[in-house]
Amino acid sequence: MSAFSAYDVILAPVITEKSTAVSESNQVVFKVRRDATKPQIKAAVEELFKVKVLSVNTLTRKGKTKIFRGIKGTQQDVKKAIVRLAEGDRIDVTTRI
């Protein structure tokens, strides 16, 4: 890994209905650093979980504008990575992290 360790790149697993649905097709969704690249994400997942990663797809959700008690604020942008694992490899995010 270049400038970041594996724990700096992978911030948290994303546990939603949609992420559990894609886990049936051998994919896992992680919240990652906004400046992390696909090769860095692939290397971090392979190092942390000892699995073979086939592909990494990323998306950035732009921060929403919210109003709380009359004060306007903006949430931060969030980058997510959808990691496809090789056949036979599994990551159980509910128990390993």
PDB file of N, CA and C in Angstrom:
ATOM      1  N   MET A   1       0.849  -1.160   0.000  1.00  0.00           N
ATOM      2  CA  MET A   1       0.000   0.000   0.000  1.00  0.00           C
ATOM      3  C   MET A   1       0.902   1.233   0.000  1.00  0.00           C
ATOM      4  N   SER A   2       0.503   2.253  -0.705  1.00  0.00           N
ATOM      5  CA  SER A   2       1.376   3.403  -0.853  1.00  0.00           C
ATOM      6  C   SER A   2       1.395   4.284   0.390  1.00  0.00           C
ATOM      7  N   ALA A   3       0.477   5.198   0.528  1.00  0.00           N
ATOM      8  CA  ALA A   3       0.516   6.154   1.627  1.00  0.00           C
ATOM      9  C   ALA A   3      -0.380   5.750   2.787  1.00  0.00           C
ATOM     10  N   PHE A   4      -1.326   4.868   2.562  1.00  0.00           N
ATOM     11  CA  PHE A   4      -2.294   4.504   3.595  1.00  0.00           C
ATOM     12  C   PHE A   4      -2.109   3.048   3.991  1.00  0.00           C
ATOM     13  N   SER A   5      -2.456   2.745   5.249  1.00  0.00           N
ATOM     14  CA  SER A   5      -2.513   1.343   5.625  1.00  0.00           C
ATOM     15  C   SER A   5      -3.896   0.806   5.236  1.00  0.00           C
ATOM     16  N   ALA A   6      -4.074  -0.484   5.350  1.00  0.00           N
ATOM     17  CA  ALA A   6      -5.345  -1.091   4.953  1.00  0.00           C
ATOM     18  C   ALA A   6      -6.492  -0.598   5.823  1.00  0.00           C
ATOM     19  N   TYR A   7      -6.204  -0.330   7.096  1.00  0.00           N
ATOM     20  CA  TYR A   7      -7.253   0.151   7.988  1.00  0.00           C
ATOM     21  C   TYR A   7      -7.621   1.604   7.718  1.00  0.00           C
ATOM     22  N   ASP A   8      -6.731   2.364   7.077  1.00  0.00           N
ATOM     23  CA  ASP A   8      -7.053   3.741   6.703  1.00  0.00           C
ATOM     24  C   ASP A   8      -7.945   3.791   5.475  1.00  0.00           C
ATOM     25  N   VAL A   9      -7.815   2.819   4.581  1.00  0.00           N
ATOM     26  CA  VAL A   9      -8.584   2.813   3.328  1.00  0.00           C
ATOM     27  C   VAL A   9     -10.009   2.339   3.574  1.00  0.00           C
ATOM     28  N   ILE A  10     -10.177   1.211   4.245  1.00  0.00           N
ATOM     29  CA  ILE A  10     -11.499   0.642   4.521  1.00  0.00           C
ATOM     30  C   ILE A  10     -11.995   1.228   5.837  1.00  0.00           C
ATOM     31  N   LEU A  11     -13.039   2.041   5.796  1.00  0.00           N
ATOM     32  CA  LEU A  11     -13.539   2.697   7.003  1.00  0.00           C
ATOM     33  C   LEU A  11     -14.570   1.855   7.737  1.00  0.00           C
ATOM     34  N   ALA A  12     -15.551   1.299   7.006  1.00  0.00           N
ATOM     35  CA  ALA A  12     -16.611   0.531   7.659  1.00  0.00           C
ATOM     36  C   ALA A  12     -17.382  -0.254   6.610  1.00  0.00           C
ATOM     37  N   PRO A  13     -17.996  -1.365   7.009  1.00  0.00           N
ATOM     38  CA  PRO A  13     -18.892  -2.041   6.080  1.00  0.00           C
ATOM     39  C   PRO A  13     -20.224  -1.299   6.014  1.00  0.00           C
ATOM     40  N   VAL A  14     -20.885  -1.415   4.886  1.00  0.00           N
ATOM     41  CA  VAL A  14     -22.214  -0.824   4.723  1.00  0.00           C
ATOM     42  C   VAL A  14     -23.224  -1.953   4.891  1.00  0.00           C
ATOM     43  N   ILE A  15     -24.063  -1.833   5.916  1.00  0.00           N
ATOM     44  CA  ILE A  15     -25.043  -2.880   6.197  1.00  0.00           C
ATOM     45  C   ILE A  15     -26.430  -2.289   5.981  1.00  0.00           C
ATOM     46  N   THR A  16     -26.977  -2.536   4.794  1.00  0.00           N
ATOM     47  CA  THR A  16     -28.318  -2.095   4.433  1.00  0.00           C
ATOM     48  C   THR A  16     -29.033  -3.267   3.762  1.00  0.00           C
ATOM     49  N   GLU A  17     -30.279  -3.071   3.419  1.00  0.00           N
ATOM     50  CA  GLU A  17     -31.008  -4.124   2.710  1.00  0.00           C
ATOM     51  C   GLU A  17     -30.372  -4.419   1.361  1.00  0.00           C
ATOM     52  N   LYS A  18     -29.983  -3.359   0.664  1.00  0.00           N
ATOM     53  CA  LYS A  18     -29.406  -3.546  -0.658  1.00  0.00           C
ATOM     54  C   LYS A  18     -28.034  -4.227  -0.587  1.00  0.00           C
ATOM     55  N   SER A  19     -27.226  -3.880   0.412  1.00  0.00           N
ATOM     56  CA  SER A  19     -25.911  -4.494   0.518  1.00  0.00           C
ATOM     57  C   SER A  19     -26.007  -5.964   0.928  1.00  0.00           C
ATOM     58  N   THR A  20     -27.003  -6.316   1.726  1.00  0.00           N
ATOM     59  CA  THR A  20     -27.177  -7.732   2.049  1.00  0.00           C
ATOM     60  C   THR A  20     -27.735  -8.502   0.857  1.00  0.00           C
ATOM     61  N   ALA A  21     -28.486  -7.829   0.000  1.00  0.00           N
ATOM     62  CA  ALA A  21     -28.996  -8.495  -1.201  1.00  0.00           C
ATOM     63  C   ALA A  21     -27.863  -8.792  -2.180  1.00  0.00           C
ATOM     64  N   VAL A  22     -26.906  -7.881  -2.330  1.00  0.00           N
ATOM     65  CA  VAL A  22     -25.797  -8.142  -3.252  1.00  0.00           C
ATOM     66  C   VAL A  22     -24.792  -9.118  -2.662  1.00  0.00           C
ATOM     67  N   SER A  23     -24.853  -9.350  -1.346  1.00  0.00           N
ATOM     68  CA  SER A  23     -23.939 -10.323  -0.751  1.00  0.00           C
ATOM     69  C   SER A  23     -24.257 -11.740  -1.220  1.00  0.00           C
ATOM     70  N   GLU A  24     -25.470 -11.964  -1.687  1.00  0.00           N
ATOM     71  CA  GLU A  24     -25.822 -13.280  -2.227  1.00  0.00           C
ATOM     72  C   GLU A  24     -25.107 -13.548  -3.547  1.00  0.00           C
ATOM     73  N   SER A  25     -24.723 -12.491  -4.257  1.00  0.00           N
ATOM     74  CA  SER A  25     -23.970 -12.671  -5.504  1.00  0.00           C
ATOM     75  C   SER A  25     -22.480 -12.452  -5.282  1.00  0.00           C
ATOM     76  N   ASN A  26     -21.999 -12.744  -4.052  1.00  0.00           N
ATOM     77  CA  ASN A  26     -20.581 -12.719  -3.697  1.00  0.00           C
ATOM     78  C   ASN A  26     -19.975 -11.319  -3.802  1.00  0.00           C
ATOM     79  N   GLN A  27     -20.728 -10.302  -3.384  1.00  0.00           N
ATOM     80  CA  GLN A  27     -20.223  -8.936  -3.355  1.00  0.00           C
ATOM     81  C   GLN A  27     -20.383  -8.375  -1.948  1.00  0.00           C
ATOM     82  N   VAL A  28     -19.475  -7.446  -1.585  1.00  0.00           N
ATOM     83  CA  VAL A  28     -19.505  -6.812  -0.280  1.00  0.00           C
ATOM     84  C   VAL A  28     -19.364  -5.307  -0.488  1.00  0.00           C
ATOM     85  N   VAL A  29     -20.077  -4.510   0.313  1.00  0.00           N
ATOM     86  CA  VAL A  29     -20.041  -3.056   0.180  1.00  0.00           C
ATOM     87  C   VAL A  29     -19.325  -2.471   1.392  1.00  0.00           C
ATOM     88  N   PHE A  30     -18.344  -1.585   1.125  1.00  0.00           N
ATOM     89  CA  PHE A  30     -17.587  -0.921   2.180  1.00  0.00           C
ATOM     90  C   PHE A  30     -17.632   0.579   1.999  1.00  0.00           C
ATOM     91  N   LYS A  31     -17.587   1.309   3.108  1.00  0.00           N
ATOM     92  CA  LYS A  31     -17.385   2.749   3.086  1.00  0.00           C
ATOM     93  C   LYS A  31     -15.865   2.956   3.093  1.00  0.00           C
ATOM     94  N   VAL A  32     -15.361   3.745   2.142  1.00  0.00           N
ATOM     95  CA  VAL A  32     -13.918   3.919   1.997  1.00  0.00           C
ATOM     96  C   VAL A  32     -13.561   5.404   2.010  1.00  0.00           C
ATOM     97  N   ARG A  33     -12.261   5.681   2.091  1.00  0.00           N
ATOM     98  CA  ARG A  33     -11.789   7.067   2.017  1.00  0.00           C
ATOM     99  C   ARG A  33     -12.173   7.671   0.673  1.00  0.00           C
ATOM    100  N   ARG A  34     -12.418   8.968   0.664  1.00  0.00           N
ATOM    101  CA  ARG A  34     -12.818   9.618  -0.583  1.00  0.00           C
ATOM    102  C   ARG A  34     -11.681   9.685  -1.592  1.00  0.00           C
ATOM    103  N   ASP A  35     -10.431   9.676  -1.133  1.00  0.00           N
ATOM    104  CA  ASP A  35      -9.305   9.754  -2.057  1.00  0.00           C
ATOM    105  C   ASP A  35      -8.674   8.394  -2.350  1.00  0.00           C
ATOM    106  N   ALA A  36      -9.310   7.309  -1.919  1.00  0.00           N
ATOM    107  CA  ALA A  36      -8.789   5.964  -2.170  1.00  0.00           C
ATOM    108  C   ALA A  36      -9.068   5.556  -3.611  1.00  0.00           C
ATOM    109  N   THR A  37      -8.093   4.889  -4.219  1.00  0.00           N
ATOM    110  CA  THR A  37      -8.242   4.411  -5.592  1.00  0.00           C
ATOM    111  C   THR A  37      -8.675   2.948  -5.584  1.00  0.00           C
ATOM    112  N   LYS A  38      -9.109   2.468  -6.745  1.00  0.00           N
ATOM    113  CA  LYS A  38      -9.551   1.071  -6.848  1.00  0.00           C
ATOM    114  C   LYS A  38      -8.426   0.084  -6.531  1.00  0.00           C
ATOM    115  N   PRO A  39      -7.191   0.286  -7.023  1.00  0.00           N
ATOM    116  CA  PRO A  39      -6.118  -0.646  -6.636  1.00  0.00           C
ATOM    117  C   PRO A  39      -5.819  -0.633  -5.135  1.00  0.00           C
ATOM    118  N   GLN A  40      -5.915   0.525  -4.492  1.00  0.00           N
ATOM    119  CA  GLN A  40      -5.698   0.596  -3.047  1.00  0.00           C
ATOM    120  C   GLN A  40      -6.801  -0.145  -2.297  1.00  0.00           C
ATOM    121  N   ILE A  41      -8.038  -0.011  -2.750  1.00  0.00           N
ATOM    122  CA  ILE A  41      -9.165  -0.700  -2.111  1.00  0.00           C
ATOM    123  C   ILE A  41      -9.012  -2.210  -2.276  1.00  0.00           C
ATOM    124  N   LYS A  42      -8.641  -2.636  -3.472  1.00  0.00           N
ATOM    125  CA  LYS A  42      -8.449  -4.068  -3.732  1.00  0.00           C
ATOM    126  C   LYS A  42      -7.353  -4.646  -2.841  1.00  0.00           C
ATOM    127  N   ALA A  43      -6.230  -3.943  -2.740  1.00  0.00           N
ATOM    128  CA  ALA A  43      -5.113  -4.422  -1.915  1.00  0.00           C
ATOM    129  C   ALA A  43      -5.498  -4.447  -0.437  1.00  0.00           C
ATOM    130  N   ALA A  44      -6.251  -3.450   0.018  1.00  0.00           N
ATOM    131  CA  ALA A  44      -6.650  -3.392   1.426  1.00  0.00           C
ATOM    132  C   ALA A  44      -7.593  -4.537   1.782  1.00  0.00           C
ATOM    133  N   VAL A  45      -8.570  -4.827   0.932  1.00  0.00           N
ATOM    134  CA  VAL A  45      -9.513  -5.910   1.210  1.00  0.00           C
ATOM    135  C   VAL A  45      -8.791  -7.261   1.187  1.00  0.00           C
ATOM    136  N   GLU A  46      -7.898  -7.461   0.223  1.00  0.00           N
ATOM    137  CA  GLU A  46      -7.160  -8.720   0.162  1.00  0.00           C
ATOM    138  C   GLU A  46      -6.259  -8.895   1.370  1.00  0.00           C
ATOM    139  N   GLU A  47      -5.669  -7.800   1.860  1.00  0.00           N
ATOM    140  CA  GLU A  47      -4.778  -7.887   3.019  1.00  0.00           C
ATOM    141  C   GLU A  47      -5.556  -8.121   4.315  1.00  0.00           C
ATOM    142  N   LEU A  48      -6.663  -7.426   4.495  1.00  0.00           N
ATOM    143  CA  LEU A  48      -7.418  -7.532   5.746  1.00  0.00           C
ATOM    144  C   LEU A  48      -8.168  -8.851   5.881  1.00  0.00           C
ATOM    145  N   PHE A  49      -8.788  -9.311   4.806  1.00  0.00           N
ATOM    146  CA  PHE A  49      -9.686 -10.465   4.901  1.00  0.00           C
ATOM    147  C   PHE A  49      -9.126 -11.734   4.279  1.00  0.00           C
ATOM    148  N   LYS A  50      -7.948 -11.658   3.664  1.00  0.00           N
ATOM    149  CA  LYS A  50      -7.295 -12.836   3.061  1.00  0.00           C
ATOM    150  C   LYS A  50      -8.209 -13.523   2.047  1.00  0.00           C
ATOM    151  N   VAL A  51      -8.768 -12.715   1.118  1.00  0.00           N
ATOM    152  CA  VAL A  51      -9.632 -13.216   0.051  1.00  0.00           C
ATOM    153  C   VAL A  51      -9.091 -12.723  -1.284  1.00  0.00           C
ATOM    154  N   LYS A  52      -9.600 -13.275  -2.373  1.00  0.00           N
ATOM    155  CA  LYS A  52      -9.226 -12.863  -3.720  1.00  0.00           C
ATOM    156  C   LYS A  52     -10.317 -11.944  -4.258  1.00  0.00           C
ATOM    157  N   VAL A  53      -9.931 -10.718  -4.645  1.00  0.00           N
ATOM    158  CA  VAL A  53     -10.880  -9.738  -5.168  1.00  0.00           C
ATOM    159  C   VAL A  53     -10.825  -9.764  -6.689  1.00  0.00           C
ATOM    160  N   LEU A  54     -11.997  -9.922  -7.325  1.00  0.00           N
ATOM    161  CA  LEU A  54     -12.064  -9.928  -8.780  1.00  0.00           C
ATOM    162  C   LEU A  54     -12.214  -8.527  -9.346  1.00  0.00           C
ATOM    163  N   SER A  55     -13.086  -7.710  -8.744  1.00  0.00           N
ATOM    164  CA  SER A  55     -13.300  -6.356  -9.264  1.00  0.00           C
ATOM    165  C   SER A  55     -13.751  -5.434  -8.143  1.00  0.00           C
ATOM    166  N   VAL A  56     -13.544  -4.136  -8.392  1.00  0.00           N
ATOM    167  CA  VAL A  56     -13.957  -3.103  -7.446  1.00  0.00           C
ATOM    168  C   VAL A  56     -14.705  -2.025  -8.227  1.00  0.00           C
ATOM    169  N   ASN A  57     -15.935  -1.728  -7.815  1.00  0.00           N
ATOM    170  CA  ASN A  57     -16.701  -0.622  -8.371  1.00  0.00           C
ATOM    171  C   ASN A  57     -16.891   0.403  -7.268  1.00  0.00           C
ATOM    172  N   THR A  58     -16.715   1.687  -7.608  1.00  0.00           N
ATOM    173  CA  THR A  58     -16.856   2.729  -6.605  1.00  0.00           C
ATOM    174  C   THR A  58     -17.941   3.714  -7.000  1.00  0.00           C
ATOM    175  N   LEU A  59     -18.504   4.361  -5.992  1.00  0.00           N
ATOM    176  CA  LEU A  59     -19.471   5.421  -6.225  1.00  0.00           C
ATOM    177  C   LEU A  59     -19.321   6.443  -5.109  1.00  0.00           C
ATOM    178  N   THR A  60     -19.595   7.696  -5.448  1.00  0.00           N
ATOM    179  CA  THR A  60     -19.523   8.770  -4.468  1.00  0.00           C
ATOM    180  C   THR A  60     -20.902   9.389  -4.324  1.00  0.00           C
ATOM    181  N   ARG A  61     -21.444   9.313  -3.105  1.00  0.00           N
ATOM    182  CA  ARG A  61     -22.727   9.946  -2.828  1.00  0.00           C
ATOM    183  C   ARG A  61     -22.442  11.356  -2.358  1.00  0.00           C
ATOM    184  N   LYS A  62     -22.945  12.321  -3.081  1.00  0.00           N
ATOM    185  CA  LYS A  62     -22.728  13.715  -2.732  1.00  0.00           C
ATOM    186  C   LYS A  62     -23.483  14.051  -1.452  1.00  0.00           C
ATOM    187  N   GLY A  63     -22.913  14.923  -0.641  1.00  0.00           N
ATOM    188  CA  GLY A  63     -23.512  15.310   0.630  1.00  0.00           C
ATOM    189  C   GLY A  63     -24.823  16.046   0.437  1.00  0.00           C
ATOM    190  N   LYS A  64     -25.795  15.707   1.252  1.00  0.00           N
ATOM    191  CA  LYS A  64     -27.112  16.321   1.159  1.00  0.00           C
ATOM    192  C   LYS A  64     -27.166  17.581   2.034  1.00  0.00           C
ATOM    193  N   THR A  65     -28.027  18.498   1.668  1.00  0.00           N
ATOM    194  CA  THR A  65     -28.281  19.678   2.485  1.00  0.00           C
ATOM    195  C   THR A  65     -29.440  19.370   3.426  1.00  0.00           C
ATOM    196  N   LYS A  66     -29.222  19.575   4.702  1.00  0.00           N
ATOM    197  CA  LYS A  66     -30.227  19.291   5.725  1.00  0.00           C
ATOM    198  C   LYS A  66     -30.462  20.539   6.568  1.00  0.00           C
ATOM    199  N   ILE A  67     -31.650  20.629   7.153  1.00  0.00           N
ATOM    200  CA  ILE A  67     -31.967  21.708   8.071  1.00  0.00           C
ATOM    201  C   ILE A  67     -32.326  21.077   9.408  1.00  0.00           C
ATOM    202  N   PHE A  68     -31.595  21.463  10.463  1.00  0.00           N
ATOM    203  CA  PHE A  68     -31.831  20.939  11.799  1.00  0.00           C
ATOM    204  C   PHE A  68     -31.997  22.113  12.742  1.00  0.00           C
ATOM    205  N   ARG A  69     -33.175  22.239  13.334  1.00  0.00           N
ATOM    206  CA  ARG A  69     -33.516  23.328  14.239  1.00  0.00           C
ATOM    207  C   ARG A  69     -33.261  24.695  13.601  1.00  0.00           C
ATOM    208  N   GLY A  70     -33.612  24.821  12.337  1.00  0.00           N
ATOM    209  CA  GLY A  70     -33.500  26.080  11.635  1.00  0.00           C
ATOM    210  C   GLY A  70     -32.112  26.423  11.137  1.00  0.00           C
ATOM    211  N   ILE A  71     -31.146  25.535  11.364  1.00  0.00           N
ATOM    212  CA  ILE A  71     -29.770  25.776  10.916  1.00  0.00           C
ATOM    213  C   ILE A  71     -29.496  24.883   9.725  1.00  0.00           C
ATOM    214  N   LYS A  72     -29.084  25.498   8.634  1.00  0.00           N
ATOM    215  CA  LYS A  72     -28.811  24.751   7.410  1.00  0.00           C
ATOM    216  C   LYS A  72     -27.388  24.205   7.456  1.00  0.00           C
ATOM    217  N   GLY A  73     -27.231  22.948   7.082  1.00  0.00           N
ATOM    218  CA  GLY A  73     -25.923  22.317   7.063  1.00  0.00           C
ATOM    219  C   GLY A  73     -25.832  21.352   5.899  1.00  0.00           C
ATOM    220  N   THR A  74     -24.619  20.934   5.598  1.00  0.00           N
ATOM    221  CA  THR A  74     -24.388  19.996   4.506  1.00  0.00           C
ATOM    222  C   THR A  74     -23.644  18.778   5.031  1.00  0.00           C
ATOM    223  N   GLN A  75     -24.140  17.601   4.697  1.00  0.00           N
ATOM    224  CA  GLN A  75     -23.439  16.370   5.064  1.00  0.00           C
ATOM    225  C   GLN A  75     -22.220  16.204   4.168  1.00  0.00           C
ATOM    226  N   GLN A  76     -21.263  15.422   4.633  1.00  0.00           N
ATOM    227  CA  GLN A  76     -20.064  15.172   3.845  1.00  0.00           C
ATOM    228  C   GLN A  76     -20.351  14.194   2.717  1.00  0.00           C
ATOM    229  N   ASP A  77     -19.523  14.241   1.666  1.00  0.00           N
ATOM    230  CA  ASP A  77     -19.598  13.249   0.599  1.00  0.00           C
ATOM    231  C   ASP A  77     -19.138  11.903   1.154  1.00  0.00           C
ATOM    232  N   VAL A  78     -19.729  10.818   0.663  1.00  0.00           N
ATOM    233  CA  VAL A  78     -19.392   9.469   1.117  1.00  0.00           C
ATOM    234  C   VAL A  78     -19.026   8.635  -0.102  1.00  0.00           C
ATOM    235  N   LYS A  79     -17.875   7.974  -0.041  1.00  0.00           N
ATOM    236  CA  LYS A  79     -17.459   7.089  -1.122  1.00  0.00           C
ATOM    237  C   LYS A  79     -17.667   5.651  -0.673  1.00  0.00           C
ATOM    238  N   LYS A  80     -18.328   4.858  -1.534  1.00  0.00           N
ATOM    239  CA  LYS A  80     -18.574   3.450  -1.246  1.00  0.00           C
ATOM    240  C   LYS A  80     -17.912   2.601  -2.319  1.00  0.00           C
ATOM    241  N   ALA A  81     -17.474   1.420  -1.925  1.00  0.00           N
ATOM    242  CA  ALA A  81     -16.856   0.484  -2.856  1.00  0.00           C
ATOM    243  C   ALA A  81     -17.623  -0.828  -2.813  1.00  0.00           C
ATOM    244  N   ILE A  82     -18.006  -1.306  -3.985  1.00  0.00           N
ATOM    245  CA  ILE A  82     -18.659  -2.606  -4.109  1.00  0.00           C
ATOM    246  C   ILE A  82     -17.599  -3.578  -4.612  1.00  0.00           C
ATOM    247  N   VAL A  83     -17.226  -4.529  -3.764  1.00  0.00           N
ATOM    248  CA  VAL A  83     -16.124  -5.434  -4.035  1.00  0.00           C
ATOM    249  C   VAL A  83     -16.684  -6.799  -4.399  1.00  0.00           C
ATOM    250  N   ARG A  84     -16.288  -7.315  -5.569  1.00  0.00           N
ATOM    251  CA  ARG A  84     -16.728  -8.653  -5.991  1.00  0.00           C
ATOM    252  C   ARG A  84     -15.621  -9.642  -5.670  1.00  0.00           C
ATOM    253  N   LEU A  85     -15.975 -10.696  -4.958  1.00  0.00           N
ATOM    254  CA  LEU A  85     -15.005 -11.692  -4.512  1.00  0.00           C
ATOM    255  C   LEU A  85     -14.983 -12.892  -5.443  1.00  0.00           C
ATOM    256  N   ALA A  86     -13.873 -13.614  -5.397  1.00  0.00           N
ATOM    257  CA  ALA A  86     -13.743 -14.830  -6.188  1.00  0.00           C
ATOM    258  C   ALA A  86     -14.686 -15.894  -5.646  1.00  0.00           C
ATOM    259  N   GLU A  87     -15.007 -16.850  -6.487  1.00  0.00           N
ATOM    260  CA  GLU A  87     -15.910 -17.939  -6.107  1.00  0.00           C
ATOM    261  C   GLU A  87     -15.300 -18.728  -4.956  1.00  0.00           C
ATOM    262  N   GLY A  88     -16.078 -18.948  -3.913  1.00  0.00           N
ATOM    263  CA  GLY A  88     -15.603 -19.686  -2.754  1.00  0.00           C
ATOM    264  C   GLY A  88     -15.127 -18.800  -1.615  1.00  0.00           C
ATOM    265  N   ASP A  89     -14.815 -17.538  -1.868  1.00  0.00           N
ATOM    266  CA  ASP A  89     -14.399 -16.620  -0.812  1.00  0.00           C
ATOM    267  C   ASP A  89     -15.621 -15.921  -0.233  1.00  0.00           C
ATOM    268  N   ARG A  90     -15.617 -15.710   1.081  1.00  0.00           N
ATOM    269  CA  ARG A  90     -16.737 -15.060   1.760  1.00  0.00           C
ATOM    270  C   ARG A  90     -16.188 -14.079   2.794  1.00  0.00           C
ATOM    271  N   ILE A  91     -16.903 -12.992   3.031  1.00  0.00           N
ATOM    272  CA  ILE A  91     -16.617 -12.064   4.115  1.00  0.00           C
ATOM    273  C   ILE A  91     -17.919 -11.879   4.880  1.00  0.00           C
ATOM    274  N   ASP A  92     -17.894 -12.197   6.163  1.00  0.00           N
ATOM    275  CA  ASP A  92     -19.059 -11.997   7.015  1.00  0.00           C
ATOM    276  C   ASP A  92     -18.837 -10.711   7.785  1.00  0.00           C
ATOM    277  N   VAL A  93     -19.387  -9.602   7.295  1.00  0.00           N
ATOM    278  CA  VAL A  93     -19.113  -8.297   7.908  1.00  0.00           C
ATOM    279  C   VAL A  93     -19.791  -8.126   9.252  1.00  0.00           C
ATOM    280  N   THR A  94     -20.757  -8.955   9.577  1.00  0.00           N
ATOM    281  CA  THR A  94     -21.437  -8.798  10.851  1.00  0.00           C
ATOM    282  C   THR A  94     -20.613  -9.337  12.016  1.00  0.00           C
ATOM    283  N   THR A  95     -19.657 -10.219  11.771  1.00  0.00           N
ATOM    284  CA  THR A  95     -18.881 -10.798  12.871  1.00  0.00           C
ATOM    285  C   THR A  95     -17.394 -10.463  12.816  1.00  0.00           C
ATOM    286  N   ARG A  96     -16.840 -10.186  11.642  1.00  0.00           N
ATOM    287  CA  ARG A  96     -15.387 -10.009  11.550  1.00  0.00           C
ATOM    288  C   ARG A  96     -14.920  -8.598  11.772  1.00  0.00           C
ATOM    289  N   ILE A  97     -15.813  -7.598  11.740  1.00  0.00           N
ATOM    290  CA  ILE A  97     -15.371  -6.209  11.935  1.00  0.00           C
ATOM    291  C   ILE A  97     -16.004  -5.680  13.201  1.00  0.00           C
TER     292      ILE A  97
END
